[in-house]
C-alpha cells in the first residue's frame, strides 16, 4: 500500500538519527537519479 505521511516522517527521523541519506521519499523532490526515475514513470517516459 502507499506510504503514509506519518510513515514517511518516521523514516526521515530514523534516517537523520542513523546518519543516512534519504535518497528517495515520495513526498520530496530532489535532484538525483531516483527522483528522475520516479518522474519518468509519472510522465510515461521511463
ModelCIF file with pLDDT and N, C-alpha, C, O atoms, coordinates in Angstrom:
data_MODEL
#
_entry.id   MODEL 
#
_entity.id                         1 
_entity.type                       polymer 
_entity.pdbx_number_of_molecules   1 
#
_entity_poly.entity_id                      1 
_entity_poly.type                           'polypeptide(L)' 
_entity_poly.nstd_linkage                   no 
_entity_poly.nstd_monomer                   no 
_entity_poly.pdbx_seq_one_letter_code       
;(UNK)(UNK)(UNK)(UNK)(UNK)(UNK)(UNK)(UNK)(UNK)(UNK)(UNK)(UNK)(UNK)(UNK)(UNK)(UNK)
(UNK)(UNK)(UNK)(UNK)(UNK)(UNK)(UNK)(UNK)(UNK)(UNK)(UNK)(UNK)(UNK)(UNK)(UNK)(UNK)
(UNK)(UNK)(UNK)(UNK)(UNK)(UNK)(UNK)(UNK)(UNK)(UNK)(UNK)(UNK)(UNK)(UNK)
;
_entity_poly.pdbx_seq_one_letter_code_can   XXXXXXXXXXXXXXXXXXXXXXXXXXXXXXXXXXXXXXXXXXXXXX 
_entity_poly.pdbx_strand_id                 A 
#
loop_
_entity_poly_seq.entity_id 
_entity_poly_seq.num 
_entity_poly_seq.mon_id 
_entity_poly_seq.hetero 
1 1  UNK n 
1 2  UNK n 
1 3  UNK n 
1 4  UNK n 
1 5  UNK n 
1 6  UNK n 
1 7  UNK n 
1 8  UNK n 
1 9  UNK n 
1 10 UNK n 
1 11 UNK n 
1 12 UNK n 
1 13 UNK n 
1 14 UNK n 
1 15 UNK n 
1 16 UNK n 
1 17 UNK n 
1 18 UNK n 
1 19 UNK n 
1 20 UNK n 
1 21 UNK n 
1 22 UNK n 
1 23 UNK n 
1 24 UNK n 
1 25 UNK n 
1 26 UNK n 
1 27 UNK n 
1 28 UNK n 
1 29 UNK n 
1 30 UNK n 
1 31 UNK n 
1 32 UNK n 
1 33 UNK n 
1 34 UNK n 
1 35 UNK n 
1 36 UNK n 
1 37 UNK n 
1 38 UNK n 
1 39 UNK n 
1 40 UNK n 
1 41 UNK n 
1 42 UNK n 
1 43 UNK n 
1 44 UNK n 
1 45 UNK n 
1 46 UNK n 
#
_struct_asym.id          A 
_struct_asym.entity_id   1 
#
loop_
_ma_qa_metric.id 
_ma_qa_metric.mode 
_ma_qa_metric.name 
_ma_qa_metric.software_group_id 
_ma_qa_metric.type 
1 global pLDDT . pLDDT 
2 local  pLDDT . pLDDT 
#
_ma_qa_metric_global.metric_id      1 
_ma_qa_metric_global.metric_value   92.80 
_ma_qa_metric_global.model_id       1 
_ma_qa_metric_global.ordinal_id     1 
#
loop_
_ma_qa_metric_local.label_asym_id 
_ma_qa_metric_local.label_comp_id 
_ma_qa_metric_local.label_seq_id 
_ma_qa_metric_local.metric_id 
_ma_qa_metric_local.metric_value 
_ma_qa_metric_local.model_id 
_ma_qa_metric_local.ordinal_id 
A UNK 1  2 94.00 1 1  
A UNK 2  2 95.00 1 2  
A UNK 3  2 95.00 1 3  
A UNK 4  2 94.00 1 4  
A UNK 5  2 94.00 1 5  
A UNK 6  2 95.00 1 6  
A UNK 7  2 94.00 1 7  
A UNK 8  2 95.00 1 8  
A UNK 9  2 94.00 1 9  
A UNK 10 2 94.00 1 10 
A UNK 11 2 93.00 1 11 
A UNK 12 2 92.00 1 12 
A UNK 13 2 92.00 1 13 
A UNK 14 2 92.00 1 14 
A UNK 15 2 90.00 1 15 
A UNK 16 2 88.00 1 16 
A UNK 17 2 90.00 1 17 
A UNK 18 2 87.00 1 18 
A UNK 19 2 85.00 1 19 
A UNK 20 2 89.00 1 20 
A UNK 21 2 87.00 1 21 
A UNK 22 2 90.00 1 22 
A UNK 23 2 92.00 1 23 
A UNK 24 2 95.00 1 24 
A UNK 25 2 95.00 1 25 
A UNK 26 2 94.00 1 26 
A UNK 27 2 92.00 1 27 
A UNK 28 2 91.00 1 28 
A UNK 29 2 90.00 1 29 
A UNK 30 2 91.00 1 30 
A UNK 31 2 91.00 1 31 
A UNK 32 2 92.00 1 32 
A UNK 33 2 93.00 1 33 
A UNK 34 2 95.00 1 34 
A UNK 35 2 95.00 1 35 
A UNK 36 2 95.00 1 36 
A UNK 37 2 96.00 1 37 
A UNK 38 2 96.00 1 38 
A UNK 39 2 95.00 1 39 
A UNK 40 2 96.00 1 40 
A UNK 41 2 95.00 1 41 
A UNK 42 2 94.00 1 42 
A UNK 43 2 94.00 1 43 
A UNK 44 2 93.00 1 44 
A UNK 45 2 95.00 1 45 
A UNK 46 2 95.00 1 46 
#
loop_
_atom_site.group_PDB 
_atom_site.id 
_atom_site.type_symbol 
_atom_site.label_atom_id 
_atom_site.label_alt_id 
_atom_site.label_comp_id 
_atom_site.label_asym_id 
_atom_site.label_entity_id 
_atom_site.label_seq_id 
_atom_site.pdbx_PDB_ins_code 
_atom_site.Cartn_x 
_atom_site.Cartn_y 
_atom_site.Cartn_z 
_atom_site.occupancy 
_atom_site.B_iso_or_equiv 
_atom_site.pdbx_formal_charge 
_atom_site.auth_seq_id 
_atom_site.auth_comp_id 
_atom_site.auth_asym_id 
_atom_site.auth_atom_id 
_atom_site.pdbx_PDB_model_num 
ATOM 1   N N  . UNK A 1 1  ? 0.859  -1.187 0.000   1.00 94.00 ? 1  UNK A N  1 
ATOM 2   C CA . UNK A 1 1  ? 0.000  0.000  0.000   1.00 94.00 ? 1  UNK A CA 1 
ATOM 3   C C  . UNK A 1 1  ? 0.894  1.235  0.000   1.00 94.00 ? 1  UNK A C  1 
ATOM 4   O O  . UNK A 1 1  ? 2.071  1.127  0.343   1.00 94.00 ? 1  UNK A O  1 
ATOM 5   N N  . UNK A 1 2  ? 0.377  2.406  -0.372  1.00 95.00 ? 2  UNK A N  1 
ATOM 6   C CA . UNK A 1 2  ? 1.215  3.608  -0.401  1.00 95.00 ? 2  UNK A CA 1 
ATOM 7   C C  . UNK A 1 2  ? 1.735  3.963  0.990   1.00 95.00 ? 2  UNK A C  1 
ATOM 8   O O  . UNK A 1 2  ? 1.060  3.727  1.992   1.00 95.00 ? 2  UNK A O  1 
ATOM 9   N N  . UNK A 1 3  ? 2.936  4.532  1.043   1.00 95.00 ? 3  UNK A N  1 
ATOM 10  C CA . UNK A 1 3  ? 3.473  5.023  2.308   1.00 95.00 ? 3  UNK A CA 1 
ATOM 11  C C  . UNK A 1 3  ? 2.668  6.235  2.757   1.00 95.00 ? 3  UNK A C  1 
ATOM 12  O O  . UNK A 1 3  ? 2.400  7.143  1.970   1.00 95.00 ? 3  UNK A O  1 
ATOM 13  N N  . UNK A 1 4  ? 2.290  6.241  4.017   1.00 94.00 ? 4  UNK A N  1 
ATOM 14  C CA . UNK A 1 4  ? 1.536  7.360  4.566   1.00 94.00 ? 4  UNK A CA 1 
ATOM 15  C C  . UNK A 1 4  ? 2.488  8.475  4.994   1.00 94.00 ? 4  UNK A C  1 
ATOM 16  O O  . UNK A 1 4  ? 3.693  8.263  5.127   1.00 94.00 ? 4  UNK A O  1 
ATOM 17  N N  . UNK A 1 5  ? 1.932  9.655  5.205   1.00 94.00 ? 5  UNK A N  1 
ATOM 18  C CA . UNK A 1 5  ? 2.744  10.792 5.644   1.00 94.00 ? 5  UNK A CA 1 
ATOM 19  C C  . UNK A 1 5  ? 3.409  10.512 6.981   1.00 94.00 ? 5  UNK A C  1 
ATOM 20  O O  . UNK A 1 5  ? 4.565  10.877 7.196   1.00 94.00 ? 5  UNK A O  1 
ATOM 21  N N  . UNK A 1 6  ? 2.668  9.854  7.891   1.00 95.00 ? 6  UNK A N  1 
ATOM 22  C CA . UNK A 1 6  ? 3.232  9.524  9.201   1.00 95.00 ? 6  UNK A CA 1 
ATOM 23  C C  . UNK A 1 6  ? 4.405  8.563  9.061   1.00 95.00 ? 6  UNK A C  1 
ATOM 24  O O  . UNK A 1 6  ? 5.413  8.713  9.753   1.00 95.00 ? 6  UNK A O  1 
ATOM 25  N N  . UNK A 1 7  ? 4.286  7.581  8.176   1.00 94.00 ? 7  UNK A N  1 
ATOM 26  C CA . UNK A 1 7  ? 5.374  6.627  7.971   1.00 94.00 ? 7  UNK A CA 1 
ATOM 27  C C  . UNK A 1 7  ? 6.599  7.314  7.368   1.00 94.00 ? 7  UNK A C  1 
ATOM 28  O O  . UNK A 1 7  ? 7.730  7.018  7.754   1.00 94.00 ? 7  UNK A O  1 
ATOM 29  N N  . UNK A 1 8  ? 6.382  8.213  6.439   1.00 95.00 ? 8  UNK A N  1 
ATOM 30  C CA . UNK A 1 8  ? 7.499  8.925  5.830   1.00 95.00 ? 8  UNK A CA 1 
ATOM 31  C C  . UNK A 1 8  ? 8.198  9.825  6.841   1.00 95.00 ? 8  UNK A C  1 
ATOM 32  O O  . UNK A 1 8  ? 9.422  9.955  6.813   1.00 95.00 ? 8  UNK A O  1 
ATOM 33  N N  . UNK A 1 9  ? 7.424  10.452 7.742   1.00 94.00 ? 9  UNK A N  1 
ATOM 34  C CA . UNK A 1 9  ? 8.045  11.276 8.787   1.00 94.00 ? 9  UNK A CA 1 
ATOM 35  C C  . UNK A 1 9  ? 8.898  10.426 9.717   1.00 94.00 ? 9  UNK A C  1 
ATOM 36  O O  . UNK A 1 9  ? 9.980  10.846 10.126  1.00 94.00 ? 9  UNK A O  1 
ATOM 37  N N  . UNK A 1 10 ? 8.417  9.233  10.051  1.00 94.00 ? 10 UNK A N  1 
ATOM 38  C CA . UNK A 1 10 ? 9.201  8.332  10.903  1.00 94.00 ? 10 UNK A CA 1 
ATOM 39  C C  . UNK A 1 10 ? 10.487 7.898  10.195  1.00 94.00 ? 10 UNK A C  1 
ATOM 40  O O  . UNK A 1 10 ? 11.544 7.811  10.819  1.00 94.00 ? 10 UNK A O  1 
ATOM 41  N N  . UNK A 1 11 ? 10.393 7.628  8.899   1.00 93.00 ? 11 UNK A N  1 
ATOM 42  C CA . UNK A 1 11 ? 11.582 7.244  8.145   1.00 93.00 ? 11 UNK A CA 1 
ATOM 43  C C  . UNK A 1 11 ? 12.596 8.390  8.088   1.00 93.00 ? 11 UNK A C  1 
ATOM 44  O O  . UNK A 1 11 ? 13.802 8.160  8.179   1.00 93.00 ? 11 UNK A O  1 
ATOM 45  N N  . UNK A 1 12 ? 12.105 9.624  7.937   1.00 92.00 ? 12 UNK A N  1 
ATOM 46  C CA . UNK A 1 12 ? 13.001 10.771 7.917   1.00 92.00 ? 12 UNK A CA 1 
ATOM 47  C C  . UNK A 1 12 ? 13.723 10.925 9.245   1.00 92.00 ? 12 UNK A C  1 
ATOM 48  O O  . UNK A 1 12 ? 14.928 11.176 9.290   1.00 92.00 ? 12 UNK A O  1 
ATOM 49  N N  . UNK A 1 13 ? 12.965 10.770 10.326  1.00 92.00 ? 13 UNK A N  1 
ATOM 50  C CA . UNK A 1 13 ? 13.568 10.893 11.655  1.00 92.00 ? 13 UNK A CA 1 
ATOM 51  C C  . UNK A 1 13 ? 14.590 9.789  11.894  1.00 92.00 ? 13 UNK A C  1 
ATOM 52  O O  . UNK A 1 13 ? 15.676 10.046 12.412  1.00 92.00 ? 13 UNK A O  1 
ATOM 53  N N  . UNK A 1 14 ? 14.246 8.573  11.522  1.00 92.00 ? 14 UNK A N  1 
ATOM 54  C CA . UNK A 1 14 ? 15.187 7.463  11.710  1.00 92.00 ? 14 UNK A CA 1 
ATOM 55  C C  . UNK A 1 14 ? 16.441 7.686  10.880  1.00 92.00 ? 14 UNK A C  1 
ATOM 56  O O  . UNK A 1 14 ? 17.554 7.486  11.368  1.00 92.00 ? 14 UNK A O  1 
ATOM 57  N N  . UNK A 1 15 ? 16.267 8.100  9.625   1.00 90.00 ? 15 UNK A N  1 
ATOM 58  C CA . UNK A 1 15 ? 17.402 8.310  8.738   1.00 90.00 ? 15 UNK A CA 1 
ATOM 59  C C  . UNK A 1 15 ? 18.349 9.373  9.281   1.00 90.00 ? 15 UNK A C  1 
ATOM 60  O O  . UNK A 1 15 ? 19.567 9.199  9.240   1.00 90.00 ? 15 UNK A O  1 
ATOM 61  N N  . UNK A 1 16 ? 17.799 10.470 9.789   1.00 88.00 ? 16 UNK A N  1 
ATOM 62  C CA . UNK A 1 16 ? 18.640 11.532 10.353  1.00 88.00 ? 16 UNK A CA 1 
ATOM 63  C C  . UNK A 1 16 ? 19.389 11.037 11.581  1.00 88.00 ? 16 UNK A C  1 
ATOM 64  O O  . UNK A 1 16 ? 20.562 11.363 11.767  1.00 88.00 ? 16 UNK A O  1 
ATOM 65  N N  . UNK A 1 17 ? 18.727 10.260 12.412  1.00 90.00 ? 17 UNK A N  1 
ATOM 66  C CA . UNK A 1 17 ? 19.358 9.742  13.622  1.00 90.00 ? 17 UNK A CA 1 
ATOM 67  C C  . UNK A 1 17 ? 20.438 8.711  13.302  1.00 90.00 ? 17 UNK A C  1 
ATOM 68  O O  . UNK A 1 17 ? 21.435 8.611  14.019  1.00 90.00 ? 17 UNK A O  1 
ATOM 69  N N  . UNK A 1 18 ? 20.244 7.949  12.236  1.00 87.00 ? 18 UNK A N  1 
ATOM 70  C CA . UNK A 1 18 ? 21.209 6.896  11.866  1.00 87.00 ? 18 UNK A CA 1 
ATOM 71  C C  . UNK A 1 18 ? 22.318 7.422  10.971  1.00 87.00 ? 18 UNK A C  1 
ATOM 72  O O  . UNK A 1 18 ? 23.239 6.678  10.632  1.00 87.00 ? 18 UNK A O  1 
ATOM 73  N N  . UNK A 1 19 ? 22.250 8.672  10.586  1.00 85.00 ? 19 UNK A N  1 
ATOM 74  C CA . UNK A 1 19 ? 23.276 9.237  9.724   1.00 85.00 ? 19 UNK A CA 1 
ATOM 75  C C  . UNK A 1 19 ? 23.179 8.765  8.295   1.00 85.00 ? 19 UNK A C  1 
ATOM 76  O O  . UNK A 1 19 ? 24.190 8.656  7.601   1.00 85.00 ? 19 UNK A O  1 
ATOM 77  N N  . UNK A 1 20 ? 21.959 8.482  7.847   1.00 89.00 ? 20 UNK A N  1 
ATOM 78  C CA . UNK A 1 20 ? 21.739 8.009  6.477   1.00 89.00 ? 20 UNK A CA 1 
ATOM 79  C C  . UNK A 1 20 ? 21.194 9.136  5.602   1.00 89.00 ? 20 UNK A C  1 
ATOM 80  O O  . UNK A 1 20 ? 20.883 10.227 6.078   1.00 89.00 ? 20 UNK A O  1 
ATOM 81  N N  . UNK A 1 21 ? 21.093 8.846  4.350   1.00 87.00 ? 21 UNK A N  1 
ATOM 82  C CA . UNK A 1 21 ? 20.633 9.815  3.358   1.00 87.00 ? 21 UNK A CA 1 
ATOM 83  C C  . UNK A 1 21 ? 19.310 9.365  2.769   1.00 87.00 ? 21 UNK A C  1 
ATOM 84  O O  . UNK A 1 21 ? 19.186 8.228  2.315   1.00 87.00 ? 21 UNK A O  1 
ATOM 85  N N  . UNK A 1 22 ? 18.317 10.250 2.771   1.00 90.00 ? 22 UNK A N  1 
ATOM 86  C CA . UNK A 1 22 ? 17.022 9.944  2.159   1.00 90.00 ? 22 UNK A CA 1 
ATOM 87  C C  . UNK A 1 22 ? 17.145 10.128 0.654   1.00 90.00 ? 22 UNK A C  1 
ATOM 88  O O  . UNK A 1 22 ? 16.904 11.218 0.135   1.00 90.00 ? 22 UNK A O  1 
ATOM 89  N N  . UNK A 1 23 ? 17.516 9.073  -0.041  1.00 92.00 ? 23 UNK A N  1 
ATOM 90  C CA . UNK A 1 23 ? 17.717 9.209  -1.486  1.00 92.00 ? 23 UNK A CA 1 
ATOM 91  C C  . UNK A 1 23 ? 16.399 9.360  -2.223  1.00 92.00 ? 23 UNK A C  1 
ATOM 92  O O  . UNK A 1 23 ? 16.316 10.073 -3.223  1.00 92.00 ? 23 UNK A O  1 
ATOM 93  N N  . UNK A 1 24 ? 15.354 8.678  -1.720  1.00 95.00 ? 24 UNK A N  1 
ATOM 94  C CA . UNK A 1 24 ? 14.044 8.840  -2.350  1.00 95.00 ? 24 UNK A CA 1 
ATOM 95  C C  . UNK A 1 24 ? 12.933 8.643  -1.329  1.00 95.00 ? 24 UNK A C  1 
ATOM 96  O O  . UNK A 1 24 ? 12.785 7.571  -0.741  1.00 95.00 ? 24 UNK A O  1 
ATOM 97  N N  . UNK A 1 25 ? 12.161 9.696  -1.134  1.00 95.00 ? 25 UNK A N  1 
ATOM 98  C CA . UNK A 1 25 ? 10.907 9.639  -0.395  1.00 95.00 ? 25 UNK A CA 1 
ATOM 99  C C  . UNK A 1 25 ? 9.841  10.232 -1.310  1.00 95.00 ? 25 UNK A C  1 
ATOM 100 O O  . UNK A 1 25 ? 10.082 11.266 -1.933  1.00 95.00 ? 25 UNK A O  1 
ATOM 101 N N  . UNK A 1 26 ? 8.673  9.608  -1.406  1.00 94.00 ? 26 UNK A N  1 
ATOM 102 C CA . UNK A 1 26 ? 7.672  10.052 -2.391  1.00 94.00 ? 26 UNK A CA 1 
ATOM 103 C C  . UNK A 1 26 ? 7.218  11.495 -2.219  1.00 94.00 ? 26 UNK A C  1 
ATOM 104 O O  . UNK A 1 26 ? 6.792  12.118 -3.192  1.00 94.00 ? 26 UNK A O  1 
ATOM 105 N N  . UNK A 1 27 ? 7.296  12.048 -1.002  1.00 92.00 ? 27 UNK A N  1 
ATOM 106 C CA . UNK A 1 27 ? 6.803  13.405 -0.779  1.00 92.00 ? 27 UNK A CA 1 
ATOM 107 C C  . UNK A 1 27 ? 7.905  14.455 -0.897  1.00 92.00 ? 27 UNK A C  1 
ATOM 108 O O  . UNK A 1 27 ? 7.694  15.613 -0.536  1.00 92.00 ? 27 UNK A O  1 
ATOM 109 N N  . UNK A 1 28 ? 9.082  14.065 -1.400  1.00 91.00 ? 28 UNK A N  1 
ATOM 110 C CA . UNK A 1 28 ? 10.176 15.007 -1.586  1.00 91.00 ? 28 UNK A CA 1 
ATOM 111 C C  . UNK A 1 28 ? 10.493 15.146 -3.080  1.00 91.00 ? 28 UNK A C  1 
ATOM 112 O O  . UNK A 1 28 ? 10.022 14.367 -3.909  1.00 91.00 ? 28 UNK A O  1 
ATOM 113 N N  . UNK A 1 29 ? 11.290 16.141 -3.390  1.00 90.00 ? 29 UNK A N  1 
ATOM 114 C CA . UNK A 1 29 ? 11.713 16.361 -4.762  1.00 90.00 ? 29 UNK A CA 1 
ATOM 115 C C  . UNK A 1 29 ? 13.184 16.752 -4.746  1.00 90.00 ? 29 UNK A C  1 
ATOM 116 O O  . UNK A 1 29 ? 13.529 17.892 -4.434  1.00 90.00 ? 29 UNK A O  1 
ATOM 117 N N  . UNK A 1 30 ? 14.053 15.793 -5.085  1.00 91.00 ? 30 UNK A N  1 
ATOM 118 C CA . UNK A 1 30 ? 15.489 16.032 -5.069  1.00 91.00 ? 30 UNK A CA 1 
ATOM 119 C C  . UNK A 1 30 ? 16.074 15.808 -6.461  1.00 91.00 ? 30 UNK A C  1 
ATOM 120 O O  . UNK A 1 30 ? 15.461 15.182 -7.326  1.00 91.00 ? 30 UNK A O  1 
ATOM 121 N N  . UNK A 1 31 ? 17.252 16.330 -6.639  1.00 91.00 ? 31 UNK A N  1 
ATOM 122 C CA . UNK A 1 31 ? 17.933 16.189 -7.918  1.00 91.00 ? 31 UNK A CA 1 
ATOM 123 C C  . UNK A 1 31 ? 18.878 14.995 -7.860  1.00 91.00 ? 31 UNK A C  1 
ATOM 124 O O  . UNK A 1 31 ? 20.079 15.155 -7.644  1.00 91.00 ? 31 UNK A O  1 
ATOM 125 N N  . UNK A 1 32 ? 18.328 13.796 -8.056  1.00 92.00 ? 32 UNK A N  1 
ATOM 126 C CA . UNK A 1 32 ? 19.134 12.584 -8.109  1.00 92.00 ? 32 UNK A CA 1 
ATOM 127 C C  . UNK A 1 32 ? 18.446 11.565 -9.022  1.00 92.00 ? 32 UNK A C  1 
ATOM 128 O O  . UNK A 1 32 ? 17.283 11.752 -9.379  1.00 92.00 ? 32 UNK A O  1 
ATOM 129 N N  . UNK A 1 33 ? 19.141 10.501 -9.403  1.00 93.00 ? 33 UNK A N  1 
ATOM 130 C CA . UNK A 1 33 ? 18.564 9.538  -10.350 1.00 93.00 ? 33 UNK A CA 1 
ATOM 131 C C  . UNK A 1 33 ? 17.280 8.870  -9.854  1.00 93.00 ? 33 UNK A C  1 
ATOM 132 O O  . UNK A 1 33 ? 16.434 8.499  -10.668 1.00 93.00 ? 33 UNK A O  1 
ATOM 133 N N  . UNK A 1 34 ? 17.117 8.707  -8.544  1.00 95.00 ? 34 UNK A N  1 
ATOM 134 C CA . UNK A 1 34 ? 15.913 8.052  -8.022  1.00 95.00 ? 34 UNK A CA 1 
ATOM 135 C C  . UNK A 1 34 ? 14.674 8.903  -8.301  1.00 95.00 ? 34 UNK A C  1 
ATOM 136 O O  . UNK A 1 34 ? 13.657 8.391  -8.769  1.00 95.00 ? 34 UNK A O  1 
ATOM 137 N N  . UNK A 1 35 ? 14.762 10.189 -8.016  1.00 95.00 ? 35 UNK A N  1 
ATOM 138 C CA . UNK A 1 35 ? 13.637 11.080 -8.302  1.00 95.00 ? 35 UNK A CA 1 
ATOM 139 C C  . UNK A 1 35 ? 13.452 11.253 -9.804  1.00 95.00 ? 35 UNK A C  1 
ATOM 140 O O  . UNK A 1 35 ? 12.328 11.420 -10.277 1.00 95.00 ? 35 UNK A O  1 
ATOM 141 N N  . UNK A 1 36 ? 14.560 11.213 -10.562 1.00 95.00 ? 36 UNK A N  1 
ATOM 142 C CA . UNK A 1 36 ? 14.446 11.298 -12.021 1.00 95.00 ? 36 UNK A CA 1 
ATOM 143 C C  . UNK A 1 36 ? 13.702 10.089 -12.581 1.00 95.00 ? 36 UNK A C  1 
ATOM 144 O O  . UNK A 1 36 ? 12.894 10.221 -13.501 1.00 95.00 ? 36 UNK A O  1 
ATOM 145 N N  . UNK A 1 37 ? 13.982 8.894  -12.016 1.00 96.00 ? 37 UNK A N  1 
ATOM 146 C CA . UNK A 1 37 ? 13.278 7.691  -12.453 1.00 96.00 ? 37 UNK A CA 1 
ATOM 147 C C  . UNK A 1 37 ? 11.796 7.778  -12.106 1.00 96.00 ? 37 UNK A C  1 
ATOM 148 O O  . UNK A 1 37 ? 10.947 7.460  -12.939 1.00 96.00 ? 37 UNK A O  1 
ATOM 149 N N  . UNK A 1 38 ? 11.477 8.205  -10.887 1.00 96.00 ? 38 UNK A N  1 
ATOM 150 C CA . UNK A 1 38 ? 10.075 8.343  -10.496 1.00 96.00 ? 38 UNK A CA 1 
ATOM 151 C C  . UNK A 1 38 ? 9.349  9.338  -11.397 1.00 96.00 ? 38 UNK A C  1 
ATOM 152 O O  . UNK A 1 38 ? 8.200  9.113  -11.776 1.00 96.00 ? 38 UNK A O  1 
ATOM 153 N N  . UNK A 1 39 ? 10.014 10.431 -11.736 1.00 95.00 ? 39 UNK A N  1 
ATOM 154 C CA . UNK A 1 39 ? 9.409  11.416 -12.628 1.00 95.00 ? 39 UNK A CA 1 
ATOM 155 C C  . UNK A 1 39 ? 9.171  10.825 -14.009 1.00 95.00 ? 39 UNK A C  1 
ATOM 156 O O  . UNK A 1 39 ? 8.138  11.078 -14.629 1.00 95.00 ? 39 UNK A O  1 
ATOM 157 N N  . UNK A 1 40 ? 10.135 10.032 -14.494 1.00 96.00 ? 40 UNK A N  1 
ATOM 158 C CA . UNK A 1 40 ? 9.971  9.398  -15.799 1.00 96.00 ? 40 UNK A CA 1 
ATOM 159 C C  . UNK A 1 40 ? 8.788  8.443  -15.804 1.00 96.00 ? 40 UNK A C  1 
ATOM 160 O O  . UNK A 1 40 ? 8.066  8.352  -16.796 1.00 96.00 ? 40 UNK A O  1 
ATOM 161 N N  . UNK A 1 41 ? 8.584  7.724  -14.690 1.00 95.00 ? 41 UNK A N  1 
ATOM 162 C CA . UNK A 1 41 ? 7.436  6.817  -14.592 1.00 95.00 ? 41 UNK A CA 1 
ATOM 163 C C  . UNK A 1 41 ? 6.139  7.614  -14.585 1.00 95.00 ? 41 UNK A C  1 
ATOM 164 O O  . UNK A 1 41 ? 5.174  7.237  -15.249 1.00 95.00 ? 41 UNK A O  1 
ATOM 165 N N  . UNK A 1 42 ? 6.110  8.702  -13.847 1.00 94.00 ? 42 UNK A N  1 
ATOM 166 C CA . UNK A 1 42 ? 4.907  9.537  -13.778 1.00 94.00 ? 42 UNK A CA 1 
ATOM 167 C C  . UNK A 1 42 ? 4.550  10.101 -15.148 1.00 94.00 ? 42 UNK A C  1 
ATOM 168 O O  . UNK A 1 42 ? 3.375  10.173 -15.509 1.00 94.00 ? 42 UNK A O  1 
ATOM 169 N N  . UNK A 1 43 ? 5.559  10.496 -15.902 1.00 94.00 ? 43 UNK A N  1 
ATOM 170 C CA . UNK A 1 43 ? 5.326  11.124 -17.206 1.00 94.00 ? 43 UNK A CA 1 
ATOM 171 C C  . UNK A 1 43 ? 5.341  10.123 -18.357 1.00 94.00 ? 43 UNK A C  1 
ATOM 172 O O  . UNK A 1 43 ? 5.301  10.510 -19.525 1.00 94.00 ? 43 UNK A O  1 
ATOM 173 N N  . UNK A 1 44 ? 5.400  8.840  -18.024 1.00 93.00 ? 44 UNK A N  1 
ATOM 174 C CA . UNK A 1 44 ? 5.407  7.773  -19.031 1.00 93.00 ? 44 UNK A CA 1 
ATOM 175 C C  . UNK A 1 44 ? 6.580  7.941  -20.008 1.00 93.00 ? 44 UNK A C  1 
ATOM 176 O O  . UNK A 1 44 ? 6.425  7.777  -21.218 1.00 93.00 ? 44 UNK A O  1 
ATOM 177 N N  . UNK A 1 45 ? 7.750  8.271  -19.456 1.00 95.00 ? 45 UNK A N  1 
ATOM 178 C CA . UNK A 1 45 ? 8.960  8.421  -20.251 1.00 95.00 ? 45 UNK A CA 1 
ATOM 179 C C  . UNK A 1 45 ? 10.080 7.525  -19.719 1.00 95.00 ? 45 UNK A C  1 
ATOM 180 O O  . UNK A 1 45 ? 11.260 7.861  -19.823 1.00 95.00 ? 45 UNK A O  1 
ATOM 181 N N  . UNK A 1 46 ? 9.694  6.378  -19.147 1.00 95.00 ? 46 UNK A N  1 
ATOM 182 C CA . UNK A 1 46 ? 10.681 5.540  -18.482 1.00 95.00 ? 46 UNK A CA 1 
ATOM 183 C C  . UNK A 1 46 ? 11.668 4.934  -19.472 1.00 95.00 ? 46 UNK A C  1 
ATOM 184 O O  . UNK A 1 46 ? 12.569 4.197  -19.072 1.00 95.00 ? 46 UNK A O  1 
#
